[in-house]
Protein backbone atom coordinates (compact mmCIF):
# COMPACT_ATOMS: atom_id res chain seq x y z
CA MET A 1 -82.16 177.05 -7.93
CA GLU A 2 -81.53 180.72 -7.26
CA ILE A 3 -79.73 181.65 -4.04
CA ILE A 4 -81.15 184.82 -2.54
CA SER A 5 -78.89 187.28 -0.73
CA THR A 6 -80.59 188.93 2.23
CA SER A 7 -77.56 190.56 3.83
CA ASP A 8 -78.75 194.05 2.83
CA LEU A 9 -82.48 193.40 3.35
CA PRO A 10 -84.23 195.99 5.54
CA SER A 11 -86.12 194.57 8.51
CA TYR A 12 -89.83 194.24 7.89
CA HIS A 13 -93.17 193.19 9.36
CA VAL A 14 -96.02 191.31 7.68
CA LEU A 15 -99.82 191.51 7.79
CA ILE A 16 -101.54 188.54 6.14
CA VAL A 17 -105.18 189.06 5.21
CA ALA A 18 -107.11 185.82 5.72
CA GLY A 19 -110.60 186.95 6.65
CA GLY A 20 -112.48 185.87 3.53
CA GLN A 21 -115.06 183.11 3.23
CA GLY A 22 -113.80 181.92 -0.18
CA SER A 23 -117.34 181.67 -1.56
CA ARG A 24 -116.22 181.71 -5.22
CA LEU A 25 -114.31 178.47 -4.71
CA GLY A 26 -117.19 176.64 -3.07
CA GLY A 27 -116.83 173.73 -0.63
CA GLU A 28 -117.10 173.52 3.13
CA LEU A 29 -113.78 175.17 4.02
CA PRO A 30 -112.56 178.67 3.10
CA LYS A 31 -109.73 178.46 0.55
CA GLN A 32 -107.05 179.60 2.99
CA TYR A 33 -107.65 176.48 5.12
CA LEU A 34 -107.54 173.93 2.30
CA LYS A 35 -104.72 171.40 1.89
CA ILE A 36 -102.15 171.68 -0.87
CA GLY A 37 -99.80 168.71 -0.71
CA ASN A 38 -98.80 168.16 2.92
CA ASN A 39 -99.45 171.76 3.91
CA ILE A 40 -102.34 174.19 4.41
CA VAL A 41 -102.64 177.26 2.16
CA ILE A 42 -102.38 179.84 4.97
CA ASN A 43 -99.59 177.97 6.73
CA GLN A 44 -97.55 177.83 3.53
CA SER A 45 -98.11 181.57 2.94
CA ILE A 46 -96.91 182.36 6.47
CA GLY A 47 -93.81 180.21 5.98
CA MET A 48 -92.66 182.31 3.02
CA PHE A 49 -91.90 185.23 5.38
CA SER A 50 -89.53 183.51 7.81
CA SER A 51 -87.11 186.46 7.84
CA CYS A 52 -89.67 189.00 9.10
CA ILE A 53 -89.59 190.62 12.54
CA THR A 54 -93.26 189.91 13.26
CA LEU A 55 -96.20 188.49 11.32
CA THR A 56 -99.87 189.04 12.10
CA CYS A 57 -102.83 187.31 10.45
CA VAL A 58 -106.26 188.90 10.18
CA ILE A 59 -108.89 186.16 10.27
CA HIS A 60 -112.67 185.85 10.18
CA PRO A 61 -114.16 185.88 13.71
CA GLU A 62 -115.68 182.43 13.09
CA HIS A 63 -112.39 180.87 11.90
CA THR A 64 -110.41 180.86 15.16
CA SER A 65 -110.44 177.06 15.49
CA LEU A 66 -109.61 176.59 11.81
CA TYR A 67 -106.69 178.99 12.16
CA HIS A 68 -105.17 177.31 15.20
CA ASP A 69 -105.58 173.86 13.64
CA ALA A 70 -103.90 174.96 10.40
CA VAL A 71 -101.08 177.26 11.54
CA GLN A 72 -97.95 176.08 13.30
CA PRO A 73 -96.60 178.39 16.05
CA ARG A 74 -93.53 180.38 15.10
CA MET A 75 -91.26 182.74 17.03
CA TRP A 76 -92.29 185.72 14.91
CA LEU A 77 -96.03 184.95 14.76
CA ARG A 78 -98.29 187.29 16.76
CA PRO A 79 -101.82 186.40 17.90
CA PRO A 80 -104.41 186.69 15.11
CA VAL A 81 -106.63 189.76 14.76
CA GLN A 82 -110.33 189.60 13.94
CA GLY A 83 -111.26 190.81 10.48
CA GLY A 84 -114.12 193.05 9.36
CA ARG A 85 -116.93 192.93 6.82
CA GLU A 86 -114.79 193.99 3.85
CA ARG A 87 -111.10 193.49 3.05
CA ARG A 88 -110.34 197.14 3.80
CA ASP A 89 -111.98 196.74 7.22
CA SER A 90 -109.81 193.71 7.94
CA VAL A 91 -106.62 195.53 6.96
CA ARG A 92 -107.62 198.52 9.09
CA ASN A 93 -108.16 196.22 12.09
CA GLY A 94 -104.70 194.80 11.53
CA LEU A 95 -103.13 198.26 11.27
CA ASN A 96 -104.83 199.38 14.47
CA ASP A 97 -103.48 196.33 16.26
CA LEU A 98 -99.95 197.15 15.10
CA LYS A 99 -99.92 200.86 15.97
CA ASN A 100 -98.36 200.27 19.38
CA HIS A 101 -95.74 197.88 17.98
CA LEU A 102 -94.42 199.48 14.78
CA LYS A 103 -92.60 202.75 14.20
CA ALA A 104 -93.54 205.23 11.48
CA ASP A 105 -90.68 204.25 9.14
CA ASP A 106 -91.02 200.49 9.61
CA ILE A 107 -91.73 198.51 6.44
CA LEU A 108 -95.02 196.60 6.52
CA LEU A 109 -95.92 193.98 3.91
CA ILE A 110 -99.60 193.23 3.31
CA HIS A 111 -100.21 189.86 1.69
CA ASP A 112 -103.19 187.74 0.68
CA ALA A 113 -103.24 184.38 2.48
CA ALA A 114 -104.46 182.75 -0.74
CA ARG A 115 -101.15 183.49 -2.55
CA PRO A 116 -98.97 180.69 -1.14
CA PHE A 117 -96.32 180.65 -3.88
CA VAL A 118 -94.71 184.09 -3.66
CA SER A 119 -90.97 183.67 -4.14
CA PRO A 120 -88.30 184.81 -1.65
CA ALA A 121 -86.64 186.81 -4.44
CA ASP A 122 -89.83 188.77 -5.12
CA ILE A 123 -90.38 189.40 -1.41
CA CYS A 124 -86.87 190.84 -1.12
CA ALA A 125 -87.33 192.98 -4.23
CA VAL A 126 -90.57 194.60 -3.07
CA ILE A 127 -89.13 195.27 0.40
CA ARG A 128 -86.08 197.01 -1.04
CA GLU A 129 -88.23 199.13 -3.36
CA ALA A 130 -90.57 200.17 -0.53
CA ALA A 131 -87.59 201.12 1.61
CA ARG A 132 -86.47 203.38 -1.25
CA THR A 133 -89.80 204.94 -2.28
CA GLY A 134 -92.23 204.32 0.59
CA ALA A 135 -94.71 202.21 -1.41
CA ALA A 136 -94.32 199.26 -3.78
CA THR A 137 -96.32 196.30 -5.02
CA LEU A 138 -95.60 193.13 -6.90
CA ALA A 139 -97.32 193.19 -10.29
CA GLN A 140 -97.17 191.57 -13.70
CA PRO A 141 -97.47 193.27 -17.09
CA VAL A 142 -100.59 192.04 -18.89
CA CYS A 143 -99.53 189.95 -21.90
CA ASP A 144 -102.85 188.61 -23.18
CA THR A 145 -104.98 190.44 -25.69
CA LEU A 146 -107.77 192.31 -23.88
CA ARG A 147 -111.07 192.67 -25.68
CA HIS A 148 -114.30 194.17 -24.37
CA GLN A 149 -117.59 192.33 -24.87
CA ASP A 150 -118.66 195.04 -27.32
CA GLY A 151 -115.83 193.93 -29.59
CA HIS A 152 -113.22 196.68 -29.23
CA THR A 153 -109.69 195.79 -28.22
CA ILE A 154 -108.30 197.36 -25.05
CA ASP A 155 -104.80 198.81 -25.22
CA ARG A 156 -102.75 196.63 -22.86
CA SER A 157 -99.62 198.79 -22.89
CA ASN A 158 -98.81 199.98 -19.37
CA VAL A 159 -101.52 197.69 -17.96
CA TRP A 160 -100.41 195.59 -14.97
CA ALA A 161 -102.07 192.83 -12.96
CA ILE A 162 -101.56 193.72 -9.29
CA GLN A 163 -100.32 191.09 -6.84
CA THR A 164 -99.29 190.93 -3.20
CA PRO A 165 -97.33 191.40 -1.06
CA GLN A 166 -97.57 195.16 -1.18
CA ALA A 167 -95.02 196.98 0.94
CA PHE A 168 -95.34 200.38 2.62
CA ARG A 169 -93.81 202.56 5.26
CA PHE A 170 -96.13 202.04 8.19
CA SER A 171 -97.09 205.69 8.64
CA LEU A 172 -97.98 205.95 4.95
CA ILE A 173 -100.33 202.96 4.83
CA CYS A 174 -102.01 204.08 8.07
CA LYS A 175 -102.54 207.54 6.60
CA ALA A 176 -103.97 206.02 3.40
CA HIS A 177 -106.55 204.02 5.34
CA ASP A 178 -107.42 206.95 7.59
CA ARG A 179 -108.09 209.22 4.60
CA ALA A 180 -109.66 206.67 2.24
CA ASP A 181 -112.98 207.74 0.70
CA PRO A 182 -115.63 205.63 2.50
CA VAL A 183 -117.77 205.25 -0.64
CA THR A 184 -114.96 204.33 -3.06
CA SER A 185 -114.43 200.62 -3.67
CA TYR A 186 -110.69 200.03 -3.29
CA THR A 187 -109.64 196.53 -4.39
CA ASP A 188 -106.22 196.73 -2.77
CA ASP A 189 -104.09 198.85 -0.45
CA SER A 190 -101.85 200.30 -3.15
CA ALA A 191 -104.93 201.99 -4.65
CA MET A 192 -105.53 203.78 -1.33
CA VAL A 193 -101.94 204.99 -1.24
CA ALA A 194 -102.16 206.17 -4.87
CA ALA A 195 -105.33 208.08 -3.97
CA LEU A 196 -103.22 210.13 -1.55
CA GLY A 197 -101.08 211.23 -4.48
CA HIS A 198 -98.13 209.10 -3.36
CA PRO A 199 -96.66 207.05 -6.25
CA VAL A 200 -96.61 203.28 -5.91
CA SER A 201 -93.69 201.48 -7.57
CA PHE A 202 -94.39 198.32 -9.55
CA VAL A 203 -91.99 195.43 -9.01
CA SER A 204 -92.25 192.68 -11.60
CA GLY A 205 -93.54 189.49 -10.00
CA SER A 206 -93.94 185.87 -11.04
CA GLN A 207 -96.84 184.00 -12.60
CA GLU A 208 -96.57 181.45 -9.79
CA ASN A 209 -97.69 184.15 -7.36
CA PHE A 210 -101.32 183.66 -8.36
CA LYS A 211 -104.28 183.94 -6.02
CA ILE A 212 -106.27 180.79 -5.36
CA THR A 213 -109.81 181.84 -6.23
CA THR A 214 -111.45 179.09 -8.28
CA ALA A 215 -111.47 175.29 -8.24
CA GLU A 216 -109.15 175.39 -11.26
CA ASP A 217 -106.69 177.55 -9.28
CA LEU A 218 -106.75 175.00 -6.47
CA ARG A 219 -106.02 172.13 -8.87
CA PHE A 220 -103.09 174.09 -10.30
CA ALA A 221 -101.77 174.84 -6.80
CA ARG A 222 -101.83 171.15 -5.94
CA MET A 223 -100.02 170.36 -9.18
CA LEU A 224 -97.27 172.84 -8.31
CA VAL A 225 -96.80 171.35 -4.86
CA SER A 226 -96.64 167.82 -6.23
CA ALA A 227 -93.95 168.77 -8.77
CA ALA A 228 -90.68 166.88 -8.47
CA MET A 229 -88.84 167.64 -5.22
CA GLU A 230 -85.50 166.48 -3.92
CA THR A 231 -84.76 165.55 -0.33
CA ARG A 232 -81.56 166.62 1.39
CA THR A 233 -80.35 165.47 4.80
CA GLY A 234 -77.95 167.59 6.85
CA SER A 235 -76.05 166.64 9.99
CA GLY A 236 -74.74 168.72 12.86
CA TYR A 237 -72.59 168.12 15.94
CA ASP A 238 -71.76 170.25 18.96
CA VAL A 239 -69.98 169.77 22.27
CA HIS A 240 -69.53 171.99 25.31
CA ALA A 241 -67.68 171.48 28.56
CA PHE A 242 -69.30 171.91 31.94
CA ARG A 243 -67.92 174.67 34.15
CA SER A 244 -66.53 173.74 37.55
CA ASP A 245 -68.54 176.36 39.41
CA ALA A 246 -72.02 175.76 40.74
CA ALA A 247 -75.10 176.66 38.70
CA THR A 248 -78.86 176.20 38.74
CA HIS A 249 -79.56 175.13 35.13
CA ILE A 250 -78.31 174.75 31.57
CA ARG A 251 -80.09 175.64 28.34
CA LEU A 252 -80.84 172.53 26.27
CA CYS A 253 -82.93 172.50 23.07
CA GLY A 254 -84.34 175.89 24.03
CA VAL A 255 -85.43 174.81 27.52
CA ASP A 256 -83.85 175.62 30.89
CA VAL A 257 -83.06 172.27 32.52
CA PRO A 258 -82.02 172.11 36.21
CA HIS A 259 -78.35 171.20 36.62
CA ASP A 260 -75.71 171.96 39.23
CA ARG A 261 -72.98 172.91 36.73
CA GLY A 262 -73.12 175.55 34.00
CA ILE A 263 -71.95 175.39 30.39
CA ASP A 264 -68.63 176.87 29.28
CA ALA A 265 -69.72 178.81 26.17
CA HIS A 266 -69.79 182.24 24.54
CA SER A 267 -73.54 182.15 23.85
CA ASP A 268 -76.04 180.29 26.03
CA GLY A 269 -74.20 177.04 25.18
CA ASP A 270 -77.26 175.18 23.90
CA VAL A 271 -75.63 172.15 22.25
CA GLY A 272 -78.99 170.89 20.91
CA LEU A 273 -79.86 174.05 19.01
CA HIS A 274 -76.25 174.51 17.88
CA ALA A 275 -76.14 171.03 16.35
CA LEU A 276 -79.54 171.54 14.75
CA THR A 277 -78.47 174.90 13.31
CA ASP A 278 -75.45 173.27 11.66
CA ALA A 279 -77.65 170.47 10.31
CA LEU A 280 -79.96 172.96 8.60
CA LEU A 281 -77.07 175.07 7.31
CA SER A 282 -75.57 171.98 5.71
CA THR A 283 -78.72 171.40 3.61
CA VAL A 284 -78.05 174.69 1.82
CA ALA A 285 -74.24 174.45 1.92
CA ALA A 286 -74.12 177.65 4.01
CA GLY A 287 -71.12 176.88 6.19
CA ASP A 288 -71.41 176.35 9.91
CA ILE A 289 -72.73 178.23 12.91
CA GLY A 290 -69.34 179.79 13.63
CA SER A 291 -69.19 181.45 10.22
CA HIS A 292 -72.52 183.20 10.82
CA PHE A 293 -72.17 183.86 14.57
CA PRO A 294 -68.43 183.89 15.39
CA PRO A 295 -67.63 183.48 19.09
CA SER A 296 -65.16 186.35 18.75
CA ASP A 297 -68.07 188.75 18.16
CA PRO A 298 -69.19 190.28 21.49
CA GLN A 299 -72.79 190.76 20.28
CA TRP A 300 -73.35 186.98 20.64
CA LYS A 301 -72.18 186.89 24.25
CA ASN A 302 -74.87 184.98 26.20
CA ALA A 303 -77.13 185.12 23.11
CA ASP A 304 -80.23 182.94 22.93
CA SER A 305 -79.38 180.16 20.47
CA ALA A 306 -82.95 180.32 19.13
CA LEU A 307 -81.66 183.30 17.10
CA PHE A 308 -79.08 181.05 15.44
CA LEU A 309 -81.61 178.35 14.60
CA ARG A 310 -84.09 180.86 13.22
CA LYS A 311 -81.37 182.27 10.93
CA ALA A 312 -80.77 178.76 9.57
CA VAL A 313 -84.51 178.27 9.03
CA HIS A 314 -84.60 181.54 7.08
CA LEU A 315 -81.67 180.50 4.86
CA VAL A 316 -83.46 177.24 4.07
CA ALA A 317 -86.70 179.10 3.28
CA ALA A 318 -84.81 181.52 1.01
CA GLN A 319 -84.03 178.52 -1.21
CA GLN A 320 -87.68 177.39 -1.02
CA GLY A 321 -86.83 174.51 1.30
CA ARG A 322 -89.57 172.82 3.33
CA LEU A 323 -88.59 171.32 6.66
CA VAL A 324 -89.79 167.72 6.90
CA HIS A 325 -88.23 166.32 10.08
CA LEU A 326 -85.67 167.29 12.73
CA ASP A 327 -83.84 164.84 14.99
CA VAL A 328 -81.59 165.61 17.96
CA THR A 329 -79.63 163.11 20.07
CA ILE A 330 -78.13 164.33 23.35
CA VAL A 331 -75.26 162.44 24.99
CA CYS A 332 -74.59 163.01 28.70
CA GLU A 333 -74.78 161.31 32.09
CA ARG A 334 -76.64 164.22 33.60
CA PRO A 335 -78.99 166.08 33.45
CA LYS A 336 -81.81 163.69 32.61
CA VAL A 337 -83.57 164.74 29.42
CA GLY A 338 -86.73 162.62 29.63
CA PRO A 339 -88.80 164.92 31.87
CA TYR A 340 -88.17 167.85 29.51
CA ARG A 341 -88.47 166.08 26.14
CA GLU A 342 -91.96 167.37 25.27
CA ALA A 343 -91.04 170.95 26.21
CA MET A 344 -87.94 170.69 23.99
CA GLN A 345 -89.98 169.36 21.09
CA ALA A 346 -92.50 172.19 21.48
CA ARG A 347 -89.79 174.87 21.63
CA ILE A 348 -87.94 173.66 18.54
CA ALA A 349 -91.25 173.26 16.71
CA GLU A 350 -92.13 176.87 17.56
CA ILE A 351 -88.80 178.22 16.33
CA CYS A 352 -88.90 176.24 13.08
CA GLY A 353 -92.63 176.38 12.30
CA LEU A 354 -93.14 172.61 12.48
CA PRO A 355 -95.63 170.36 14.27
CA PRO A 356 -94.00 168.88 17.41
CA ALA A 357 -94.59 165.42 15.90
CA ARG A 358 -91.92 166.26 13.30
CA VAL A 359 -89.28 166.99 15.98
CA SER A 360 -87.53 164.06 17.63
CA ILE A 361 -85.52 164.41 20.85
CA LYS A 362 -83.50 161.45 22.09
CA ALA A 363 -80.99 161.08 24.90
CA THR A 364 -78.37 158.49 25.75
CA THR A 365 -75.29 158.09 27.92
CA SER A 366 -71.78 156.94 26.98
CA GLU A 367 -71.86 154.21 29.63
CA LYS A 368 -69.46 156.18 31.84
CA LEU A 369 -66.85 156.22 29.03
CA GLY A 370 -64.96 159.29 27.82
CA PHE A 371 -65.45 162.93 28.80
CA THR A 372 -69.24 162.64 28.78
CA GLY A 373 -68.98 159.56 31.01
CA ARG A 374 -66.81 161.54 33.41
CA GLU A 375 -69.45 164.29 33.32
CA GLU A 376 -66.97 166.80 31.95
CA GLY A 377 -69.20 167.88 29.07
CA ILE A 378 -72.26 167.32 26.91
CA VAL A 379 -72.67 166.40 23.23
CA ALA A 380 -75.51 166.80 20.72
CA GLN A 381 -75.88 165.32 17.26
CA ALA A 382 -78.63 166.43 14.86
CA LEU A 383 -80.14 165.45 11.53
CA ALA A 384 -82.39 167.66 9.40
CA THR A 385 -84.50 166.39 6.52
CA VAL A 386 -85.55 169.13 4.07
CA GLU A 387 -87.33 169.08 0.70
CA PHE A 388 -86.25 171.48 -2.06
CA PRO A 389 -87.51 172.08 -5.60
CA ARG A 390 -85.41 169.96 -7.92
CA SER A 391 -82.91 172.20 -9.71
């Protein structure tokens, strides 16, 4: 399994187009809301972009309930935007919604919700190319013989099948939509940019990045998901001492819990999220939290530990890992965890893009024994279960 380096990856935003009715596939549900394995098409597509700054989905006005039932909350996920009559109208609505949030030189990826198998490597490649040239799209050279119905063979040299995501500087894609000929039928956003006279770079993509359009496509998607997977389990442990001075709360599993003593730590001292971060890092053999966020680095002073956990989630996603279950055990005499358990589950679920039912929070005491029994500190242990494609 390929390990993807993202250390030099420019920051980026994502717009996922999910406003279609999927009429060519048939059935009661639009294709983006169908199940593939244990996931939903649109939710899997969203999960492929875990390293983005923000992600916005454009959905059909009648699909709000379907969307909220299918998509798990994530830290980087913005509220959905209503789509328009045609795909270009939906993208324009999304661009208009982002105009007060993105800068002119920001990189925006536009992706079809019905392409749930785009690889992290291809995402990184198209981002880097767009940062260099301003506009890039994933595409595949056509390899099959092309023959017209009248019998003549079509020259396939320099013919490419266009995919998504397509990546653009934000000002450029906005300009392309603003100046697009209203009577021309553009099948994708790169065609609008090309119509401006701005070249669009082609980045070679993968055959697995196909668009689910027909019933046969859906069967193939389900076959891919059911391919052999391996399960890895990672563990994490963290401990912090309580300070002697008075306080009002501590941060625990992403939630502020009332307590009369603070945590002695460089960051926010969240032992739950620290242990969980290490557990996820261990599933990809990526060291520990200190190697990624050293306490000697002043930028992490009082940092929200949700940033650390999200980084670990991204590293797992970069190796095409799928989070299955997360488990945290907290050991302390005080504070009491029970009243805040559901809020902790919801917060971790939001950070990691999981249903709360797949996040377990437990608490116990040490029966007054040891430093936790003397209320000198607090401990967290964590387990993470993750599925990866078998290498």
